[in-house]
C-alpha atoms as a PDB file:
ATOM      1  CA  UNK A   1     177.425 106.244  17.713  1.00  0.00           C
ATOM      2  CA  UNK A   2     175.455 102.924  19.372  1.00  0.00           C
ATOM      3  CA  UNK A   3     174.319 102.302  16.244  1.00  0.00           C
ATOM      4  CA  UNK A   4     177.882 102.672  14.147  1.00  0.00           C
ATOM      5  CA  UNK A   5     179.215 100.459  16.782  1.00  0.00           C
ATOM      6  CA  UNK A   6     176.443  97.522  16.331  1.00  0.00           C
ATOM      7  CA  UNK A   7     177.166  98.214  12.623  1.00  0.00           C
ATOM      8  CA  UNK A   8     180.715  97.267  13.132  1.00  0.00           C
ATOM      9  CA  UNK A   9     180.570  94.688  15.634  1.00  0.00           C
ATOM     10  CA  UNK A  10     177.999  92.935  13.027  1.00  0.00           C
ATOM     11  CA  UNK A  11     180.415  93.076  10.068  1.00  0.00           C
ATOM     12  CA  UNK A  12     183.651  91.494  11.865  1.00  0.00           C
ATOM     13  CA  UNK A  13     181.210  88.487  13.205  1.00  0.00           C
ATOM     14  CA  UNK A  14     179.928  88.383   9.159  1.00  0.00           C
ATOM     15  CA  UNK A  15     183.972  88.191   8.049  1.00  0.00           C
ATOM     16  CA  UNK A  16     184.544  85.583  11.235  1.00  0.00           C
ATOM     17  CA  UNK A  17     181.558  83.426  10.297  1.00  0.00           C
ATOM     18  CA  UNK A  18     182.656  83.878   6.200  1.00  0.00           C
ATOM     19  CA  UNK A  19     186.205  82.694   7.212  1.00  0.00           C
ATOM     20  CA  UNK A  20     185.018  79.818   9.425  1.00  0.00           C
ATOM     21  CA  UNK A  21     182.940  78.535   6.538  1.00  0.00           C
ATOM     22  CA  UNK A  22     185.791  78.443   4.553  1.00  0.00           C
ATOM     23  CA  UNK A  23     188.225  76.549   6.413  1.00  0.00           C
ATOM     24  CA  UNK A  24     185.185  73.806   6.687  1.00  0.00           C
ATOM     25  CA  UNK A  25     184.395  74.664   9.877  1.00  0.00           C
ATOM     26  CA  UNK A  26     180.682  74.804  10.561  1.00  0.00           C
ATOM     27  CA  UNK A  27     179.113  76.460  13.839  1.00  0.00           C
ATOM     28  CA  UNK A  28     177.361  73.787  15.778  1.00  0.00           C
ATOM     29  CA  UNK A  29     173.472  73.787  15.603  1.00  0.00           C
ATOM     30  CA  UNK A  30     172.760  72.870  18.998  1.00  0.00           C
ATOM     31  CA  UNK A  31     175.638  74.345  21.380  1.00  0.00           C
ATOM     32  CA  UNK A  32     175.880  72.175  24.627  1.00  0.00           C
ATOM     33  CA  UNK A  33     174.689  74.726  26.599  1.00  0.00           C
ATOM     34  CA  UNK A  34     171.091  74.643  24.830  1.00  0.00           C
ATOM     35  CA  UNK A  35     171.287  70.532  24.881  1.00  0.00           C
ATOM     36  CA  UNK A  36     168.098  69.293  26.696  1.00  0.00           C
ATOM     37  CA  UNK A  37     169.603  67.446  29.344  1.00  0.00           C
ATOM     38  CA  UNK A  38     166.548  65.415  30.261  1.00  0.00           C
ATOM     39  CA  UNK A  39     164.936  63.231  32.795  1.00  0.00           C
ATOM     40  CA  UNK A  40     161.388  61.527  31.904  1.00  0.00           C
ATOM     41  CA  UNK A  41     159.650  62.150  35.516  1.00  0.00           C
ATOM     42  CA  UNK A  42     157.477  59.464  36.834  1.00  0.00           C
ATOM     43  CA  UNK A  43     153.989  60.868  37.935  1.00  0.00           C
ATOM     44  CA  UNK A  44     153.652  60.645  41.972  1.00  0.00           C
ATOM     45  CA  UNK A  45     150.435  59.401  42.989  1.00  0.00           C
ATOM     46  CA  UNK A  46     150.477  62.247  45.725  1.00  0.00           C
ATOM     47  CA  UNK A  47     151.556  66.111  45.244  1.00  0.00           C
ATOM     48  CA  UNK A  48     154.905  66.772  45.567  1.00  0.00           C
ATOM     49  CA  UNK A  49     157.167  69.630  46.676  1.00  0.00           C
ATOM     50  CA  UNK A  50     160.573  71.360  45.681  1.00  0.00           C
ATOM     51  CA  UNK A  51     162.669  69.486  47.547  1.00  0.00           C
ATOM     52  CA  UNK A  52     161.418  66.313  45.586  1.00  0.00           C
ATOM     53  CA  UNK A  53     162.732  67.791  42.066  1.00  0.00           C
ATOM     54  CA  UNK A  54     166.019  69.724  43.508  1.00  0.00           C
ATOM     55  CA  UNK A  55     167.968  66.097  42.990  1.00  0.00           C
ATOM     56  CA  UNK A  56     167.259  66.800  39.282  1.00  0.00           C
ATOM     57  CA  UNK A  57     169.114  70.060  39.237  1.00  0.00           C
ATOM     58  CA  UNK A  58     172.093  68.886  41.420  1.00  0.00           C
ATOM     59  CA  UNK A  59     172.765  66.338  38.901  1.00  0.00           C
ATOM     60  CA  UNK A  60     172.343  69.313  35.975  1.00  0.00           C
ATOM     61  CA  UNK A  61     168.975  68.142  34.441  1.00  0.00           C
ATOM     62  CA  UNK A  62     167.331  71.075  33.263  1.00  0.00           C
ATOM     63  CA  UNK A  63     164.367  69.644  31.046  1.00  0.00           C
ATOM     64  CA  UNK A  64     161.811  66.984  32.428  1.00  0.00           C
ATOM     65  CA  UNK A  65     159.185  65.234  30.405  1.00  0.00           C
ATOM     66  CA  UNK A  66     156.048  64.845  32.013  1.00  0.00           C
ATOM     67  CA  UNK A  67     153.601  62.237  30.801  1.00  0.00           C
ATOM     68  CA  UNK A  68     149.696  62.252  30.846  1.00  0.00           C
ATOM     69  CA  UNK A  69     147.497  59.644  29.234  1.00  0.00           C
ATOM     70  CA  UNK A  70     144.375  59.026  26.907  1.00  0.00           C
ATOM     71  CA  UNK A  71     142.891  55.645  27.480  1.00  0.00           C
ATOM     72  CA  UNK A  72     142.006  53.787  24.085  1.00  0.00           C
ATOM     73  CA  UNK A  73     139.940  50.442  24.925  1.00  0.00           C
ATOM     74  CA  UNK A  74     141.654  48.779  21.834  1.00  0.00           C
ATOM     75  CA  UNK A  75     143.463  49.412  18.687  1.00  0.00           C
ATOM     76  CA  UNK A  76     140.832  49.574  16.629  1.00  0.00           C
ATOM     77  CA  UNK A  77     138.303  51.684  18.706  1.00  0.00           C
ATOM     78  CA  UNK A  78     137.793  55.411  17.814  1.00  0.00           C
ATOM     79  CA  UNK A  79     137.304  56.263  21.943  1.00  0.00           C
ATOM     80  CA  UNK A  80     139.611  57.907  23.623  1.00  0.00           C
ATOM     81  CA  UNK A  81     138.869  59.219  27.357  1.00  0.00           C
ATOM     82  CA  UNK A  82     140.571  62.247  28.753  1.00  0.00           C
ATOM     83  CA  UNK A  83     141.419  62.178  32.282  1.00  0.00           C
ATOM     84  CA  UNK A  84     142.306  65.142  33.945  1.00  0.00           C
ATOM     85  CA  UNK A  85     141.424  65.040  37.362  1.00  0.00           C
ATOM     86  CA  UNK A  86     140.580  62.474  40.566  1.00  0.00           C
ATOM     87  CA  UNK A  87     140.689  59.326  38.474  1.00  0.00           C
ATOM     88  CA  UNK A  88     144.429  59.424  37.729  1.00  0.00           C
ATOM     89  CA  UNK A  89     147.594  59.862  39.667  1.00  0.00           C
ATOM     90  CA  UNK A  90     148.132  63.474  41.217  1.00  0.00           C
ATOM     91  CA  UNK A  91     151.157  63.973  38.914  1.00  0.00           C
ATOM     92  CA  UNK A  92     149.125  63.447  35.618  1.00  0.00           C
ATOM     93  CA  UNK A  93     146.354  65.311  36.063  1.00  0.00           C
ATOM     94  CA  UNK A  94     145.917  69.142  34.829  1.00  0.00           C
ATOM     95  CA  UNK A  95     146.276  70.427  38.199  1.00  0.00           C
ATOM     96  CA  UNK A  96     149.286  68.245  39.328  1.00  0.00           C
ATOM     97  CA  UNK A  97     150.974  68.708  35.664  1.00  0.00           C
ATOM     98  CA  UNK A  98     150.835  72.762  36.092  1.00  0.00           C
ATOM     99  CA  UNK A  99     152.410  72.291  39.693  1.00  0.00           C
ATOM    100  CA  UNK A 100     155.328  70.028  38.682  1.00  0.00           C
ATOM    101  CA  UNK A 101     156.090  72.616  35.776  1.00  0.00           C
ATOM    102  CA  UNK A 102     156.161  75.379  38.245  1.00  0.00           C
ATOM    103  CA  UNK A 103     158.188  74.176  40.601  1.00  0.00           C
ATOM    104  CA  UNK A 104     160.787  72.648  38.246  1.00  0.00           C
ATOM    105  CA  UNK A 105     160.795  76.105  36.656  1.00  0.00           C
ATOM    106  CA  UNK A 106     162.175  77.688  40.009  1.00  0.00           C
ATOM    107  CA  UNK A 107     165.075  75.082  40.089  1.00  0.00           C
ATOM    108  CA  UNK A 108     165.639  76.376  36.051  1.00  0.00           C
ATOM    109  CA  UNK A 109     164.242  72.986  34.873  1.00  0.00           C
ATOM    110  CA  UNK A 110     161.564  73.301  31.835  1.00  0.00           C
ATOM    111  CA  UNK A 111     159.379  70.555  30.841  1.00  0.00           C
ATOM    112  CA  UNK A 112     158.582  68.896  27.581  1.00  0.00           C
ATOM    113  CA  UNK A 113     154.858  67.923  27.976  1.00  0.00           C
ATOM    114  CA  UNK A 114     154.399  64.408  26.320  1.00  0.00           C
ATOM    115  CA  UNK A 115     150.847  62.886  26.371  1.00  0.00           C
ATOM    116  CA  UNK A 116     150.813  59.161  25.413  1.00  0.00           C
ATOM    117  CA  UNK A 117     147.869  56.772  24.285  1.00  0.00           C
ATOM    118  CA  UNK A 118     147.597  53.883  26.807  1.00  0.00           C
ATOM    119  CA  UNK A 119     145.727  51.024  24.701  1.00  0.00           C
ATOM    120  CA  UNK A 120     144.412  48.481  26.926  1.00  0.00           C
ATOM    121  CA  UNK A 121     146.940  45.423  25.799  1.00  0.00           C
ATOM    122  CA  UNK A 122     144.826  42.294  24.275  1.00  0.00           C
ATOM    123  CA  UNK A 123     145.775  38.784  24.021  1.00  0.00           C
ATOM    124  CA  UNK A 124     147.295  39.348  20.598  1.00  0.00           C
ATOM    125  CA  UNK A 125     149.889  41.944  22.242  1.00  0.00           C
ATOM    126  CA  UNK A 126     149.082  44.726  20.023  1.00  0.00           C
ATOM    127  CA  UNK A 127     150.220  48.235  21.118  1.00  0.00           C
ATOM    128  CA  UNK A 128     149.327  51.690  20.186  1.00  0.00           C
ATOM    129  CA  UNK A 129     151.962  51.770  16.751  1.00  0.00           C
ATOM    130  CA  UNK A 130     149.276  49.579  15.716  1.00  0.00           C
ATOM    131  CA  UNK A 131     146.243  51.256  16.252  1.00  0.00           C
ATOM    132  CA  UNK A 132     144.122  51.578  12.684  1.00  0.00           C
ATOM    133  CA  UNK A 133     140.531  51.684  12.358  1.00  0.00           C
ATOM    134  CA  UNK A 134     138.096  49.273  10.319  1.00  0.00           C
ATOM    135  CA  UNK A 135     136.687  52.007   8.556  1.00  0.00           C
ATOM    136  CA  UNK A 136     136.740  55.538   7.022  1.00  0.00           C
ATOM    137  CA  UNK A 137     133.708  56.542   9.650  1.00  0.00           C
ATOM    138  CA  UNK A 138     135.961  55.140  12.616  1.00  0.00           C
ATOM    139  CA  UNK A 139     139.136  56.835  11.018  1.00  0.00           C
ATOM    140  CA  UNK A 140     137.098  60.198  10.925  1.00  0.00           C
ATOM    141  CA  UNK A 141     136.053  59.571  14.851  1.00  0.00           C
ATOM    142  CA  UNK A 142     139.531  58.504  15.818  1.00  0.00           C
ATOM    143  CA  UNK A 143     141.152  61.918  14.607  1.00  0.00           C
ATOM    144  CA  UNK A 144     138.167  63.894  16.000  1.00  0.00           C
ATOM    145  CA  UNK A 145     138.920  62.391  19.596  1.00  0.00           C
ATOM    146  CA  UNK A 146     142.671  62.632  19.338  1.00  0.00           C
ATOM    147  CA  UNK A 147     142.471  65.916  18.240  1.00  0.00           C
ATOM    148  CA  UNK A 148     140.313  66.861  21.236  1.00  0.00           C
ATOM    149  CA  UNK A 149     142.967  65.140  23.507  1.00  0.00           C
ATOM    150  CA  UNK A 150     145.971  66.758  21.722  1.00  0.00           C
ATOM    151  CA  UNK A 151     144.296  70.160  21.850  1.00  0.00           C
ATOM    152  CA  UNK A 152     143.428  70.372  25.328  1.00  0.00           C
ATOM    153  CA  UNK A 153     147.093  69.848  26.419  1.00  0.00           C
ATOM    154  CA  UNK A 154     147.970  72.102  23.910  1.00  0.00           C
ATOM    155  CA  UNK A 155     145.761  74.805  26.092  1.00  0.00           C
ATOM    156  CA  UNK A 156     147.109  73.329  28.981  1.00  0.00           C
ATOM    157  CA  UNK A 157     151.327  73.829  28.049  1.00  0.00           C
ATOM    158  CA  UNK A 158     150.168  77.490  26.434  1.00  0.00           C
ATOM    159  CA  UNK A 159     148.887  78.360  29.703  1.00  0.00           C
ATOM    160  CA  UNK A 160     150.841  77.119  32.290  1.00  0.00           C
ATOM    161  CA  UNK A 161     154.041  78.380  30.443  1.00  0.00           C
ATOM    162  CA  UNK A 162     155.735  74.564  29.352  1.00  0.00           C
ATOM    163  CA  UNK A 163     158.200  74.973  26.995  1.00  0.00           C
ATOM    164  CA  UNK A 164     158.090  72.009  24.557  1.00  0.00           C
ATOM    165  CA  UNK A 165     154.854  69.657  23.591  1.00  0.00           C
ATOM    166  CA  UNK A 166     155.014  66.256  21.890  1.00  0.00           C
ATOM    167  CA  UNK A 167     151.899  66.080  19.643  1.00  0.00           C
ATOM    168  CA  UNK A 168     151.803  62.494  19.797  1.00  0.00           C
ATOM    169  CA  UNK A 169     154.049  59.084  20.837  1.00  0.00           C
ATOM    170  CA  UNK A 170     154.487  56.060  18.720  1.00  0.00           C
ATOM    171  CA  UNK A 171     151.233  56.112  16.773  1.00  0.00           C
ATOM    172  CA  UNK A 172     153.112  54.440  13.845  1.00  0.00           C
ATOM    173  CA  UNK A 173     149.917  53.318  11.524  1.00  0.00           C
ATOM    174  CA  UNK A 174     148.383  56.559  11.848  1.00  0.00           C
ATOM    175  CA  UNK A 175     151.185  58.860  11.281  1.00  0.00           C
ATOM    176  CA  UNK A 176     152.162  56.989   8.037  1.00  0.00           C
ATOM    177  CA  UNK A 177     148.867  56.597   6.850  1.00  0.00           C
ATOM    178  CA  UNK A 178     147.364  59.807   7.180  1.00  0.00           C
ATOM    179  CA  UNK A 179     150.111  61.972   7.655  1.00  0.00           C
ATOM    180  CA  UNK A 180     147.946  64.949   6.019  1.00  0.00           C
ATOM    181  CA  UNK A 181     145.327  64.390   9.161  1.00  0.00           C
ATOM    182  CA  UNK A 182     148.387  65.150  11.396  1.00  0.00           C
ATOM    183  CA  UNK A 183     149.328  68.072   9.492  1.00  0.00           C
ATOM    184  CA  UNK A 184     146.132  69.671  10.015  1.00  0.00           C
ATOM    185  CA  UNK A 185     146.680  69.258  13.767  1.00  0.00           C
ATOM    186  CA  UNK A 186     150.161  70.246  13.651  1.00  0.00           C
ATOM    187  CA  UNK A 187     148.615  73.749  12.225  1.00  0.00           C
ATOM    188  CA  UNK A 188     145.805  73.684  14.876  1.00  0.00           C
ATOM    189  CA  UNK A 189     148.380  73.570  17.498  1.00  0.00           C
ATOM    190  CA  UNK A 190     150.621  75.926  16.743  1.00  0.00           C
ATOM    191  CA  UNK A 191     147.437  78.404  16.623  1.00  0.00           C
ATOM    192  CA  UNK A 192     146.971  77.849  20.559  1.00  0.00           C
ATOM    193  CA  UNK A 193     150.821  77.074  21.353  1.00  0.00           C
ATOM    194  CA  UNK A 194     153.797  78.799  21.147  1.00  0.00           C
ATOM    195  CA  UNK A 195     156.526  76.660  22.672  1.00  0.00           C
ATOM    196  CA  UNK A 196     158.362  73.843  20.519  1.00  0.00           C
ATOM    197  CA  UNK A 197     156.870  70.948  18.905  1.00  0.00           C
ATOM    198  CA  UNK A 198     157.858  67.208  18.340  1.00  0.00           C
ATOM    199  CA  UNK A 199     156.613  63.846  17.850  1.00  0.00           C
ATOM    200  CA  UNK A 200     157.968  60.906  19.424  1.00  0.00           C
ATOM    201  CA  UNK A 201     158.493  57.960  16.974  1.00  0.00           C
ATOM    202  CA  UNK A 202     159.210  54.519  17.485  1.00  0.00           C
ATOM    203  CA  UNK A 203     162.944  53.399  16.921  1.00  0.00           C
ATOM    204  CA  UNK A 204     162.374  50.802  14.851  1.00  0.00           C
ATOM    205  CA  UNK A 205     161.240  52.247  11.328  1.00  0.00           C
ATOM    206  CA  UNK A 206     158.823  54.737  12.180  1.00  0.00           C
ATOM    207  CA  UNK A 207     161.405  57.743  12.854  1.00  0.00           C
ATOM    208  CA  UNK A 208     162.798  56.944   9.177  1.00  0.00           C
ATOM    209  CA  UNK A 209     158.841  56.911   7.750  1.00  0.00           C
ATOM    210  CA  UNK A 210     157.191  60.015   9.005  1.00  0.00           C
ATOM    211  CA  UNK A 211     157.206  62.811   6.640  1.00  0.00           C
ATOM    212  CA  UNK A 212     155.447  65.742   8.400  1.00  0.00           C
ATOM    213  CA  UNK A 213     159.014  66.335  10.173  1.00  0.00           C
ATOM    214  CA  UNK A 214     159.402  70.068   8.393  1.00  0.00           C
ATOM    215  CA  UNK A 215     156.231  70.915  10.375  1.00  0.00           C
ATOM    216  CA  UNK A 216     158.048  70.143  13.790  1.00  0.00           C
ATOM    217  CA  UNK A 217     160.978  71.861  15.685  1.00  0.00           C
ATOM    218  CA  UNK A 218     162.616  68.522  16.397  1.00  0.00           C
ATOM    219  CA  UNK A 219     162.603  65.009  14.962  1.00  0.00           C
ATOM    220  CA  UNK A 220     161.874  63.054  18.294  1.00  0.00           C
ATOM    221  CA  UNK A 221     162.835  59.472  18.351  1.00  0.00           C
ATOM    222  CA  UNK A 222     161.926  56.393  20.963  1.00  0.00           C
ATOM    223  CA  UNK A 223     165.577  55.572  21.282  1.00  0.00           C
ATOM    224  CA  UNK A 224     165.547  51.592  22.340  1.00  0.00           C
ATOM    225  CA  UNK A 225     167.857  50.606  19.764  1.00  0.00           C
ATOM    226  CA  UNK A 226     169.106  47.290  20.238  1.00  0.00           C
ATOM    227  CA  UNK A 227     172.841  47.559  20.524  1.00  0.00           C
ATOM    228  CA  UNK A 228     174.193  44.015  21.317  1.00  0.00           C
ATOM    229  CA  UNK A 229     173.067  40.240  20.734  1.00  0.00           C
ATOM    230  CA  UNK A 230     175.051  39.429  24.382  1.00  0.00           C
ATOM    231  CA  UNK A 231     175.038  39.732  28.274  1.00  0.00           C
ATOM    232  CA  UNK A 232     177.304  42.216  29.772  1.00  0.00           C
ATOM    233  CA  UNK A 233     178.679  43.769  26.239  1.00  0.00           C
ATOM    234  CA  UNK A 234     181.628  46.146  26.720  1.00  0.00           C
ATOM    235  CA  UNK A 235     181.735  49.543  26.068  1.00  0.00           C
ATOM    236  CA  UNK A 236     183.336  49.186  22.786  1.00  0.00           C
ATOM    237  CA  UNK A 237     180.767  46.666  21.679  1.00  0.00           C
ATOM    238  CA  UNK A 238     178.109  49.327  22.526  1.00  0.00           C
ATOM    239  CA  UNK A 239     179.720  52.128  20.611  1.00  0.00           C
ATOM    240  CA  UNK A 240     179.813  49.812  17.568  1.00  0.00           C
ATOM    241  CA  UNK A 241     176.329  48.590  18.305  1.00  0.00           C
ATOM    242  CA  UNK A 242     175.388  52.214  17.590  1.00  0.00           C
ATOM    243  CA  UNK A 243     176.895  52.531  14.214  1.00  0.00           C
ATOM    244  CA  UNK A 244     174.227  51.407  11.589  1.00  0.00           C
ATOM    245  CA  UNK A 245     171.635  53.245  13.913  1.00  0.00           C
ATOM    246  CA  UNK A 246     173.644  56.559  13.883  1.00  0.00           C
ATOM    247  CA  UNK A 247     174.066  56.341  10.001  1.00  0.00           C
ATOM    248  CA  UNK A 248     170.448  55.806   9.984  1.00  0.00           C
ATOM    249  CA  UNK A 249     169.693  58.629  12.354  1.00  0.00           C
ATOM    250  CA  UNK A 250     171.970  61.266  11.014  1.00  0.00           C
ATOM    251  CA  UNK A 251     170.436  60.757   7.216  1.00  0.00           C
ATOM    252  CA  UNK A 252     167.288  61.423   8.371  1.00  0.00           C
ATOM    253  CA  UNK A 253     168.442  64.729  10.359  1.00  0.00           C
ATOM    254  CA  UNK A 254     170.416  65.978   6.867  1.00  0.00           C
ATOM    255  CA  UNK A 255     167.014  65.385   5.179  1.00  0.00           C
ATOM    256  CA  UNK A 256     164.744  67.251   6.588  1.00  0.00           C
ATOM    257  CA  UNK A 257     167.422  69.964   8.453  1.00  0.00           C
ATOM    258  CA  UNK A 258     165.962  69.321  11.978  1.00  0.00           C
ATOM    259  CA  UNK A 259     167.736  68.201  14.834  1.00  0.00           C
ATOM    260  CA  UNK A 260     167.565  64.720  16.613  1.00  0.00           C
ATOM    261  CA  UNK A 261     165.988  64.876  20.255  1.00  0.00           C
ATOM    262  CA  UNK A 262     165.546  61.566  21.876  1.00  0.00           C
ATOM    263  CA  UNK A 263     162.033  62.051  23.494  1.00  0.00           C
ATOM    264  CA  UNK A 264     163.119  58.691  25.463  1.00  0.00           C
ATOM    265  CA  UNK A 265     165.806  56.290  25.720  1.00  0.00           C
ATOM    266  CA  UNK A 266     166.301  53.843  28.805  1.00  0.00           C
ATOM    267  CA  UNK A 267     168.251  50.832  29.831  1.00  0.00           C
ATOM    268  CA  UNK A 268     167.419  48.513  33.176  1.00  0.00           C
ATOM    269  CA  UNK A 269     170.544  47.268  35.086  1.00  0.00           C
ATOM    270  CA  UNK A 270     170.657  44.143  34.223  1.00  0.00           C
ATOM    271  CA  UNK A 271     173.171  41.797  31.695  1.00  0.00           C
ATOM    272  CA  UNK A 272     171.030  42.235  28.682  1.00  0.00           C
ATOM    273  CA  UNK A 273     170.008  45.521  28.998  1.00  0.00           C
ATOM    274  CA  UNK A 274     171.286  46.485  25.550  1.00  0.00           C
ATOM    275  CA  UNK A 275     169.637  43.083  23.692  1.00  0.00           C
ATOM    276  CA  UNK A 276     166.334  44.641  23.904  1.00  0.00           C
ATOM    277  CA  UNK A 277     166.098  47.594  25.499  1.00  0.00           C
ATOM    278  CA  UNK A 278     162.662  48.094  25.426  1.00  0.00           C
ATOM    279  CA  UNK A 279     161.529  45.383  27.857  1.00  0.00           C
ATOM    280  CA  UNK A 280     160.197  46.113  30.868  1.00  0.00           C
ATOM    281  CA  UNK A 281     160.920  44.252  33.927  1.00  0.00           C
ATOM    282  CA  UNK A 282     157.877  42.093  34.525  1.00  0.00           C
ATOM    283  CA  UNK A 283     158.792  41.008  30.864  1.00  0.00           C
ATOM    284  CA  UNK A 284     162.047  39.203  32.395  1.00  0.00           C
ATOM    285  CA  UNK A 285     161.772  39.062  35.992  1.00  0.00           C
ATOM    286  CA  UNK A 286     164.684  36.721  36.938  1.00  0.00           C
ATOM    287  CA  UNK A 287     167.500  38.875  35.438  1.00  0.00           C
ATOM    288  CA  UNK A 288     170.091  39.422  38.048  1.00  0.00           C
ATOM    289  CA  UNK A 289     171.163  42.985  38.671  1.00  0.00           C
ATOM    290  CA  UNK A 290     174.069  44.354  36.822  1.00  0.00           C
ATOM    291  CA  UNK A 291     174.750  48.019  37.058  1.00  0.00           C
ATOM    292  CA  UNK A 292     178.013  47.919  34.966  1.00  0.00           C
ATOM    293  CA  UNK A 293     176.083  46.734  32.263  1.00  0.00           C
ATOM    294  CA  UNK A 294     173.358  50.094  32.851  1.00  0.00           C
ATOM    295  CA  UNK A 295     175.906  52.527  33.184  1.00  0.00           C
ATOM    296  CA  UNK A 296     178.047  50.938  30.035  1.00  0.00           C
ATOM    297  CA  UNK A 297     175.220  51.693  27.834  1.00  0.00           C
ATOM    298  CA  UNK A 298     174.561  55.297  29.560  1.00  0.00           C
ATOM    299  CA  UNK A 299     178.113  55.846  28.278  1.00  0.00           C
ATOM    300  CA  UNK A 300     178.420  54.653  24.723  1.00  0.00           C
ATOM    301  CA  UNK A 301     175.409  56.846  24.383  1.00  0.00           C
ATOM    302  CA  UNK A 302     176.690  59.945  25.318  1.00  0.00           C
ATOM    303  CA  UNK A 303     180.074  59.131  23.581  1.00  0.00           C
ATOM    304  CA  UNK A 304     178.230  58.671  20.452  1.00  0.00           C
ATOM    305  CA  UNK A 305     175.838  61.113  20.153  1.00  0.00           C
ATOM    306  CA  UNK A 306     176.524  64.242  22.966  1.00  0.00           C
ATOM    307  CA  UNK A 307     178.695  66.421  20.801  1.00  0.00           C
ATOM    308  CA  UNK A 308     177.088  66.069  17.769  1.00  0.00           C
ATOM    309  CA  UNK A 309     175.820  69.473  16.641  1.00  0.00           C
ATOM    310  CA  UNK A 310     172.739  67.935  14.763  1.00  0.00           C
ATOM    311  CA  UNK A 311     171.451  66.060  18.313  1.00  0.00           C
ATOM    312  CA  UNK A 312     169.482  68.720  20.680  1.00  0.00           C
ATOM    313  CA  UNK A 313     169.085  66.326  23.723  1.00  0.00           C
ATOM    314  CA  UNK A 314     167.771  63.334  25.369  1.00  0.00           C
ATOM    315  CA  UNK A 315     165.004  62.135  28.105  1.00  0.00           C
ATOM    316  CA  UNK A 316     166.179  58.911  30.472  1.00  0.00           C
ATOM    317  CA  UNK A 317     163.719  56.698  31.346  1.00  0.00           C
ATOM    318  CA  UNK A 318     162.798  57.441  34.552  1.00  0.00           C
ATOM    319  CA  UNK A 319     163.000  58.925  37.448  1.00  0.00           C
ATOM    320  CA  UNK A 320     160.727  58.695  40.534  1.00  0.00           C
ATOM    321  CA  UNK A 321     159.991  61.594  43.207  1.00  0.00           C
ATOM    322  CA  UNK A 322     160.591  59.676  46.299  1.00  0.00           C
ATOM    323  CA  UNK A 323     163.104  56.806  46.229  1.00  0.00           C
ATOM    324  CA  UNK A 324     163.285  56.061  50.074  1.00  0.00           C
ATOM    325  CA  UNK A 325     162.229  52.084  48.687  1.00  0.00           C
ATOM    326  CA  UNK A 326     164.672  51.943  46.170  1.00  0.00           C
ATOM    327  CA  UNK A 327     167.128  49.601  46.959  1.00  0.00           C
ATOM    328  CA  UNK A 328     169.890  49.619  44.072  1.00  0.00           C
ATOM    329  CA  UNK A 329     171.262  46.237  45.348  1.00  0.00           C
ATOM    330  CA  UNK A 330     168.280  44.901  44.245  1.00  0.00           C
ATOM    331  CA  UNK A 331     166.553  47.257  41.797  1.00  0.00           C
ATOM    332  CA  UNK A 332     166.897  46.096  38.156  1.00  0.00           C
ATOM    333  CA  UNK A 333     164.570  48.799  36.626  1.00  0.00           C
ATOM    334  CA  UNK A 334     165.287  51.502  34.480  1.00  0.00           C
ATOM    335  CA  UNK A 335     166.194  54.560  36.829  1.00  0.00           C
ATOM    336  CA  UNK A 336     169.448  55.441  37.191  1.00  0.00           C
ATOM    337  CA  UNK A 337     168.589  56.673  41.024  1.00  0.00           C
ATOM    338  CA  UNK A 338     171.224  55.477  43.479  1.00  0.00           C
ATOM    339  CA  UNK A 339     172.887  53.499  40.551  1.00  0.00           C
ATOM    340  CA  UNK A 340     176.617  53.885  38.795  1.00  0.00           C
ATOM    341  CA  UNK A 341     174.715  55.028  35.227  1.00  0.00           C
ATOM    342  CA  UNK A 342     173.798  58.558  37.541  1.00  0.00           C
ATOM    343  CA  UNK A 343     177.365  59.130  37.673  1.00  0.00           C
ATOM    344  CA  UNK A 344     177.995  58.954  34.179  1.00  0.00           C
ATOM    345  CA  UNK A 345     174.468  61.080  33.428  1.00  0.00           C
ATOM    346  CA  UNK A 346     175.983  63.526  36.032  1.00  0.00           C
ATOM    347  CA  UNK A 347     179.377  63.906  34.202  1.00  0.00           C
ATOM    348  CA  UNK A 348     178.104  64.365  30.809  1.00  0.00           C
ATOM    349  CA  UNK A 349     175.152  66.695  31.609  1.00  0.00           C
ATOM    350  CA  UNK A 350     177.197  68.890  34.074  1.00  0.00           C
ATOM    351  CA  UNK A 351     180.055  69.148  31.068  1.00  0.00           C
END
């Protein structure tokens, strides 16, 4: 009797699905309930407790990014130092990563583990997207060292029950010049780790040039797209600024049949927040605080992307464990904490 009932229900669902398709209505590939309502968690120097994470849950955040680092001396050095203990912040250590993920899970918050290469910035201003070796031998060494680095975190993620892993972040030259090496790394990670995988491609060209997206679960983008050429743009200006980027992003999603995940996005609370969103505070130290510019940039993002079926979610940069020293009247940082942008985020994440 139960088997017959199940078959009847499945048949009805099949008929309904077929009818919807005939009408041109397709089920959303990423239901609202499954969106990654994310925040980039800033690793704490000291151990944290459940109360440090509770404000995230109160604002409907259901995923956090945690970011440990591998340390590389220069763009053409094959050395990558894996630091897992006392030489880094507690929140970047293996124990800190595990504990933070466990505490977050108690609040219904899942974790995307997103290791970065920290490149010592030289006088020429190069950064990790420019990493490229000067000989085949050094390429072999670099990939072997990177393999050791990322497989360490794949094992940690599997052992800790961490739900998703980012296999690399903004390593443009390595990913575009040697995609087959990355395919091999992805294959090895799959043997160790059973969660979801993504790669965090830079917004500038890289996400369109990666060709190993079929091997991953999400197309990850570090979404610091420039949206305006003027200070304090209106909400309509910002939405118009998204249009060309939206078309390019949607084209990649359709080409590979994979959902898009903004592995990082953020805006400072300054008038020029949307001109060069990637700029850190120290690069524009004299900018006045402008909470409305930041809040409008958040709103423009949500109105442009949040209800699209191929959009899996986003991680806003950034959220501090403790904010006792944060004065929103003078803080022009990326964080939305204690600022109007947080109200925008809470509204959309709470839908």
